[in-house]
Amino acid sequence: GHGHSRGGGRHWVGDYVRMVEDIRAAHPGVPLTSENFSEPYIGSFDGFLTWSPNYPEDIPGIPAVYSGYAICFGSLAIEGYDLETFRQLVGRCFLWGGQCGWLEEWLLEDAHREKFDYLVRLAELRAGALEFFSDGELVGEVANRAKVAKLHQKWELWNRKVDADFPAVMATRWRAPSGKEMVAVANYSNAEQDFDGG
């Protein structure tokens, strides 16, 4: 009764795209985002809320392939995280080109002022480098040749804790459409650290 043969085909994607086009036509100029990332809809949405749990072993696969084509946002962190753990989660999102945030109102409480300030600083840095983070290309991660501390934290994902071991400082290299390059560096620790990207 759907008017198409069973199995296969582009029916779901094609009709979903048409539905989004109808929504855009009814609300011109309104940014439209979707939850989670899906390649067939890059041309349909202005951004993707990548809220799924971040695992320590994740790689920057989506920005490595789709940077310059799609904007992702969201760095899910819970209230109970200490400052270094919070920095790991949102700092890695920043380094991978994501727009950090999608947090609850606890972040506005005085007890979390340092976390709030860190998030604001990352937002300012990202806004000043949109030619790289939004329009550019993630070239890759940059190894730190300086000796820095290793941070051992616990991330809570779907009500279970997982080990998150990261160097205190991590970095990525970005290339703008103009060909200019930039290295983004994040220090997750509570202490000053050295960075030597070669």
C-alpha atoms as a PDB file:
ATOM      1  CA  GLY A   1       0.000   0.000   0.000  1.00  0.00           C
ATOM      2  CA  HIS A   2       3.013   2.322   0.216  1.00  0.00           C
ATOM      3  CA  GLY A   3       3.406   2.484  -3.553  1.00  0.00           C
ATOM      4  CA  HIS A   4       6.853   0.922  -3.730  1.00  0.00           C
ATOM      5  CA  SER A   5       8.311  -2.556  -3.923  1.00  0.00           C
ATOM      6  CA  ARG A   6       9.394  -4.400  -0.789  1.00  0.00           C
ATOM      7  CA  GLY A   7      12.975  -4.066   0.438  1.00  0.00           C
ATOM      8  CA  GLY A   8      15.845  -2.013  -0.900  1.00  0.00           C
ATOM      9  CA  GLY A   9      15.349   1.316  -2.568  1.00  0.00           C
ATOM     10  CA  ARG A  10      15.782   4.899  -1.385  1.00  0.00           C
ATOM     11  CA  HIS A  11      12.240   5.338  -0.121  1.00  0.00           C
ATOM     12  CA  TRP A  12      13.035   6.171   3.499  1.00  0.00           C
ATOM     13  CA  VAL A  13      15.832   8.638   2.781  1.00  0.00           C
ATOM     14  CA  GLY A  14      14.085  10.311  -0.153  1.00  0.00           C
ATOM     15  CA  ASP A  15      10.816  10.828   1.693  1.00  0.00           C
ATOM     16  CA  TYR A  16      12.577  11.985   4.865  1.00  0.00           C
ATOM     17  CA  VAL A  17      14.501  14.586   2.858  1.00  0.00           C
ATOM     18  CA  ARG A  18      11.257  15.793   1.269  1.00  0.00           C
ATOM     19  CA  MET A  19       9.651  16.040   4.717  1.00  0.00           C
ATOM     20  CA  VAL A  20      12.550  18.194   5.970  1.00  0.00           C
ATOM     21  CA  GLU A  21      12.305  20.374   2.853  1.00  0.00           C
ATOM     22  CA  ASP A  22       8.603  20.940   3.637  1.00  0.00           C
ATOM     23  CA  ILE A  23       9.501  21.929   7.215  1.00  0.00           C
ATOM     24  CA  ARG A  24      12.130  24.385   5.918  1.00  0.00           C
ATOM     25  CA  ALA A  25       9.650  25.880   3.460  1.00  0.00           C
ATOM     26  CA  ALA A  26       7.137  26.404   6.280  1.00  0.00           C
ATOM     27  CA  HIS A  27       9.791  27.999   8.558  1.00  0.00           C
ATOM     28  CA  PRO A  28      12.283  29.876   6.354  1.00  0.00           C
ATOM     29  CA  GLY A  29      15.480  31.042   8.032  1.00  0.00           C
ATOM     30  CA  VAL A  30      15.030  28.840  11.118  1.00  0.00           C
ATOM     31  CA  PRO A  31      18.075  26.623  11.818  1.00  0.00           C
ATOM     32  CA  LEU A  32      17.166  22.962  11.754  1.00  0.00           C
ATOM     33  CA  THR A  33      19.138  20.271  13.567  1.00  0.00           C
ATOM     34  CA  SER A  34      18.764  16.547  14.135  1.00  0.00           C
ATOM     35  CA  GLU A  35      19.729  14.153  16.868  1.00  0.00           C
ATOM     36  CA  ASN A  36      22.839  12.082  16.159  1.00  0.00           C
ATOM     37  CA  PHE A  37      24.750  12.046  12.898  1.00  0.00           C
ATOM     38  CA  SER A  38      23.548  10.536   9.627  1.00  0.00           C
ATOM     39  CA  GLU A  39      25.383  10.975   6.326  1.00  0.00           C
ATOM     40  CA  PRO A  40      22.328  10.961   4.003  1.00  0.00           C
ATOM     41  CA  TYR A  41      20.967  14.064   5.730  1.00  0.00           C
ATOM     42  CA  ILE A  42      24.034  16.336   5.699  1.00  0.00           C
ATOM     43  CA  GLY A  43      22.350  18.523   3.087  1.00  0.00           C
ATOM     44  CA  SER A  44      19.088  18.626   5.020  1.00  0.00           C
ATOM     45  CA  PHE A  45      20.208  19.842   8.462  1.00  0.00           C
ATOM     46  CA  ASP A  46      22.271  22.744   9.787  1.00  0.00           C
ATOM     47  CA  GLY A  47      23.808  20.611  12.530  1.00  0.00           C
ATOM     48  CA  PHE A  48      23.767  17.283  14.307  1.00  0.00           C
ATOM     49  CA  LEU A  49      23.443  16.776  18.058  1.00  0.00           C
ATOM     50  CA  THR A  50      26.025  14.058  18.669  1.00  0.00           C
ATOM     51  CA  TRP A  51      24.912  13.324  22.198  1.00  0.00           C
ATOM     52  CA  SER A  52      25.735   9.643  22.274  1.00  0.00           C
ATOM     53  CA  PRO A  53      28.137   8.652  25.039  1.00  0.00           C
ATOM     54  CA  ASN A  54      31.747   9.491  24.336  1.00  0.00           C
ATOM     55  CA  TYR A  55      34.011   6.513  24.902  1.00  0.00           C
ATOM     56  CA  PRO A  56      37.673   6.981  25.755  1.00  0.00           C
ATOM     57  CA  GLU A  57      38.715   4.750  22.854  1.00  0.00           C
ATOM     58  CA  ASP A  58      36.746   6.778  20.277  1.00  0.00           C
ATOM     59  CA  ILE A  59      38.577   8.202  17.289  1.00  0.00           C
ATOM     60  CA  PRO A  60      37.646  11.437  15.446  1.00  0.00           C
ATOM     61  CA  GLY A  61      36.104   9.494  12.563  1.00  0.00           C
ATOM     62  CA  ILE A  62      33.184  11.818  11.828  1.00  0.00           C
ATOM     63  CA  PRO A  63      35.237  15.041  11.743  1.00  0.00           C
ATOM     64  CA  ALA A  64      38.066  13.328   9.859  1.00  0.00           C
ATOM     65  CA  VAL A  65      35.655  12.504   7.027  1.00  0.00           C
ATOM     66  CA  TYR A  66      32.965  15.180   7.255  1.00  0.00           C
ATOM     67  CA  SER A  67      34.658  18.316   8.635  1.00  0.00           C
ATOM     68  CA  GLY A  68      33.827  21.211   6.361  1.00  0.00           C
ATOM     69  CA  TYR A  69      30.584  19.506   5.328  1.00  0.00           C
ATOM     70  CA  ALA A  70      28.672  18.974   8.566  1.00  0.00           C
ATOM     71  CA  ILE A  71      28.530  20.685  11.954  1.00  0.00           C
ATOM     72  CA  CYS A  72      28.276  18.519  15.053  1.00  0.00           C
ATOM     73  CA  PHE A  73      27.530  19.756  18.546  1.00  0.00           C
ATOM     74  CA  GLY A  74      27.187  18.333  22.014  1.00  0.00           C
ATOM     75  CA  SER A  75      29.617  17.215  24.697  1.00  0.00           C
ATOM     76  CA  LEU A  76      27.620  15.303  27.252  1.00  0.00           C
ATOM     77  CA  ALA A  77      29.056  15.531  30.780  1.00  0.00           C
ATOM     78  CA  ILE A  78      27.421  14.831  34.129  1.00  0.00           C
ATOM     79  CA  GLU A  79      27.389  17.005  37.225  1.00  0.00           C
ATOM     80  CA  GLY A  80      29.493  14.613  39.303  1.00  0.00           C
ATOM     81  CA  TYR A  81      32.591  14.875  37.114  1.00  0.00           C
ATOM     82  CA  ASP A  82      35.580  16.629  38.613  1.00  0.00           C
ATOM     83  CA  LEU A  83      37.197  19.472  36.675  1.00  0.00           C
ATOM     84  CA  GLU A  84      39.807  17.343  34.886  1.00  0.00           C
ATOM     85  CA  THR A  85      37.238  14.774  33.750  1.00  0.00           C
ATOM     86  CA  PHE A  86      34.958  17.564  32.531  1.00  0.00           C
ATOM     87  CA  ARG A  87      37.864  19.073  30.602  1.00  0.00           C
ATOM     88  CA  GLN A  88      38.645  15.707  29.003  1.00  0.00           C
ATOM     89  CA  LEU A  89      35.122  15.344  27.658  1.00  0.00           C
ATOM     90  CA  VAL A  90      34.475  18.864  26.409  1.00  0.00           C
ATOM     91  CA  GLY A  91      38.109  19.521  25.483  1.00  0.00           C
ATOM     92  CA  ARG A  92      38.219  16.500  23.195  1.00  0.00           C
ATOM     93  CA  CYS A  93      34.955  17.621  21.586  1.00  0.00           C
ATOM     94  CA  PHE A  94      36.591  21.018  20.957  1.00  0.00           C
ATOM     95  CA  LEU A  95      39.754  19.467  19.497  1.00  0.00           C
ATOM     96  CA  TRP A  96      37.631  17.378  17.144  1.00  0.00           C
ATOM     97  CA  GLY A  97      35.796  20.477  15.891  1.00  0.00           C
ATOM     98  CA  GLY A  98      32.519  19.962  17.724  1.00  0.00           C
ATOM     99  CA  GLN A  99      30.558  22.776  19.278  1.00  0.00           C
ATOM    100  CA  CYS A 100      30.720  21.995  22.993  1.00  0.00           C
ATOM    101  CA  GLY A 101      27.722  22.033  25.271  1.00  0.00           C
ATOM    102  CA  TRP A 102      24.306  20.420  25.667  1.00  0.00           C
ATOM    103  CA  LEU A 103      24.590  20.390  29.435  1.00  0.00           C
ATOM    104  CA  GLU A 104      22.011  20.835  32.165  1.00  0.00           C
ATOM    105  CA  GLU A 105      21.443  23.805  34.462  1.00  0.00           C
ATOM    106  CA  TRP A 106      23.844  22.507  37.126  1.00  0.00           C
ATOM    107  CA  LEU A 107      26.616  24.103  35.084  1.00  0.00           C
ATOM    108  CA  LEU A 108      25.303  27.545  36.108  1.00  0.00           C
ATOM    109  CA  GLU A 109      25.719  26.882  39.844  1.00  0.00           C
ATOM    110  CA  ASP A 110      28.621  28.548  41.680  1.00  0.00           C
ATOM    111  CA  ALA A 111      30.096  25.153  42.568  1.00  0.00           C
ATOM    112  CA  HIS A 112      30.764  24.536  38.863  1.00  0.00           C
ATOM    113  CA  ARG A 113      32.134  27.963  37.976  1.00  0.00           C
ATOM    114  CA  GLU A 114      35.487  26.615  36.742  1.00  0.00           C
ATOM    115  CA  LYS A 115      33.726  24.179  34.426  1.00  0.00           C
ATOM    116  CA  PHE A 116      31.499  26.951  33.121  1.00  0.00           C
ATOM    117  CA  ASP A 117      34.504  29.214  32.527  1.00  0.00           C
ATOM    118  CA  TYR A 118      36.335  26.425  30.667  1.00  0.00           C
ATOM    119  CA  LEU A 119      33.311  25.837  28.432  1.00  0.00           C
ATOM    120  CA  VAL A 120      32.996  29.568  27.706  1.00  0.00           C
ATOM    121  CA  ARG A 121      36.711  29.792  26.851  1.00  0.00           C
ATOM    122  CA  LEU A 122      36.407  26.903  24.397  1.00  0.00           C
ATOM    123  CA  ALA A 123      33.345  28.565  22.817  1.00  0.00           C
ATOM    124  CA  GLU A 124      35.306  31.805  22.394  1.00  0.00           C
ATOM    125  CA  LEU A 125      38.265  30.002  20.844  1.00  0.00           C
ATOM    126  CA  ARG A 126      36.017  28.060  18.475  1.00  0.00           C
ATOM    127  CA  ALA A 127      34.117  31.195  17.437  1.00  0.00           C
ATOM    128  CA  GLY A 128      37.431  32.863  16.598  1.00  0.00           C
ATOM    129  CA  ALA A 129      38.544  29.956  14.417  1.00  0.00           C
ATOM    130  CA  LEU A 130      35.428  29.006  12.432  1.00  0.00           C
ATOM    131  CA  GLU A 131      37.389  29.035   9.173  1.00  0.00           C
ATOM    132  CA  PHE A 132      39.097  25.932  10.576  1.00  0.00           C
ATOM    133  CA  PHE A 133      36.556  24.256  12.856  1.00  0.00           C
ATOM    134  CA  SER A 134      33.430  24.908  10.794  1.00  0.00           C
ATOM    135  CA  ASP A 135      34.617  25.330   7.219  1.00  0.00           C
ATOM    136  CA  GLY A 136      37.961  23.554   7.337  1.00  0.00           C
ATOM    137  CA  GLU A 137      39.340  20.058   7.448  1.00  0.00           C
ATOM    138  CA  LEU A 138      40.616  18.018  10.381  1.00  0.00           C
ATOM    139  CA  VAL A 139      44.075  16.957   9.189  1.00  0.00           C
ATOM    140  CA  GLY A 140      44.816  14.748  12.189  1.00  0.00           C
ATOM    141  CA  GLU A 141      45.928  14.539  15.778  1.00  0.00           C
ATOM    142  CA  VAL A 142      49.272  16.083  16.744  1.00  0.00           C
ATOM    143  CA  ALA A 143      51.613  14.123  18.977  1.00  0.00           C
ATOM    144  CA  ASN A 144      53.062  16.008  21.937  1.00  0.00           C
ATOM    145  CA  ARG A 145      56.800  15.375  22.142  1.00  0.00           C
ATOM    146  CA  ALA A 146      57.032  17.035  25.539  1.00  0.00           C
ATOM    147  CA  LYS A 147      56.768  14.776  28.563  1.00  0.00           C
ATOM    148  CA  VAL A 148      53.439  15.412  30.274  1.00  0.00           C
ATOM    149  CA  ALA A 149      51.402  13.739  32.973  1.00  0.00           C
ATOM    150  CA  LYS A 150      48.919  11.007  32.152  1.00  0.00           C
ATOM    151  CA  LEU A 151      45.447  11.536  33.583  1.00  0.00           C
ATOM    152  CA  HIS A 152      43.411   8.598  34.806  1.00  0.00           C
ATOM    153  CA  GLN A 153      39.702   9.337  35.158  1.00  0.00           C
ATOM    154  CA  LYS A 154      36.432   7.452  35.276  1.00  0.00           C
ATOM    155  CA  TRP A 155      33.719   8.335  32.779  1.00  0.00           C
ATOM    156  CA  GLU A 156      30.155   7.324  33.515  1.00  0.00           C
ATOM    157  CA  LEU A 157      28.418   5.972  30.422  1.00  0.00           C
ATOM    158  CA  TRP A 158      24.930   4.532  30.563  1.00  0.00           C
ATOM    159  CA  ASN A 159      25.244   4.083  34.340  1.00  0.00           C
ATOM    160  CA  ARG A 160      28.551   2.234  34.201  1.00  0.00           C
ATOM    161  CA  LYS A 161      32.021   3.593  34.796  1.00  0.00           C
ATOM    162  CA  VAL A 162      34.822   3.188  32.280  1.00  0.00           C
ATOM    163  CA  ASP A 163      38.511   4.056  32.544  1.00  0.00           C
ATOM    164  CA  ALA A 164      39.662   7.118  30.622  1.00  0.00           C
ATOM    165  CA  ASP A 165      43.441   7.445  30.352  1.00  0.00           C
ATOM    166  CA  PHE A 166      44.669  10.467  28.405  1.00  0.00           C
ATOM    167  CA  PRO A 167      47.786  12.587  28.266  1.00  0.00           C
ATOM    168  CA  ALA A 168      47.224  15.868  30.097  1.00  0.00           C
ATOM    169  CA  VAL A 169      47.661  17.738  26.804  1.00  0.00           C
ATOM    170  CA  MET A 170      46.257  16.762  23.410  1.00  0.00           C
ATOM    171  CA  ALA A 171      46.176  18.571  20.061  1.00  0.00           C
ATOM    172  CA  THR A 172      44.768  18.455  16.523  1.00  0.00           C
ATOM    173  CA  ARG A 173      45.795  20.088  13.244  1.00  0.00           C
ATOM    174  CA  TRP A 174      43.207  21.857  11.080  1.00  0.00           C
ATOM    175  CA  ARG A 175      43.391  23.262   7.539  1.00  0.00           C
ATOM    176  CA  ALA A 176      41.173  26.146   6.381  1.00  0.00           C
ATOM    177  CA  PRO A 177      39.825  26.313   2.804  1.00  0.00           C
ATOM    178  CA  SER A 178      42.466  29.003   2.163  1.00  0.00           C
ATOM    179  CA  GLY A 179      45.196  26.457   2.934  1.00  0.00           C
ATOM    180  CA  LYS A 180      46.183  28.062   6.258  1.00  0.00           C
ATOM    181  CA  GLU A 181      46.800  25.595   9.058  1.00  0.00           C
ATOM    182  CA  MET A 182      46.180  25.792  12.798  1.00  0.00           C
ATOM    183  CA  VAL A 183      47.022  23.558  15.741  1.00  0.00           C
ATOM    184  CA  ALA A 184      44.413  23.430  18.502  1.00  0.00           C
ATOM    185  CA  VAL A 185      45.788  22.431  21.917  1.00  0.00           C
ATOM    186  CA  ALA A 186      43.870  21.531  25.076  1.00  0.00           C
ATOM    187  CA  ASN A 187      45.260  21.053  28.561  1.00  0.00           C
ATOM    188  CA  TYR A 188      42.915  18.846  30.574  1.00  0.00           C
ATOM    189  CA  SER A 189      44.855  19.017  33.814  1.00  0.00           C
ATOM    190  CA  ASN A 190      44.772  21.438  36.736  1.00  0.00           C
ATOM    191  CA  ALA A 191      48.451  22.284  36.260  1.00  0.00           C
ATOM    192  CA  GLU A 192      50.506  23.973  33.554  1.00  0.00           C
ATOM    193  CA  GLN A 193      51.854  21.507  31.000  1.00  0.00           C
ATOM    194  CA  ASP A 194      54.368  21.628  28.162  1.00  0.00           C
ATOM    195  CA  PHE A 195      53.498  21.138  24.519  1.00  0.00           C
ATOM    196  CA  ASP A 196      55.896  20.451  21.658  1.00  0.00           C
ATOM    197  CA  GLY A 197      54.119  19.566  18.447  1.00  0.00           C
ATOM    198  CA  GLY A 198      57.257  19.560  16.360  1.00  0.00           C
END
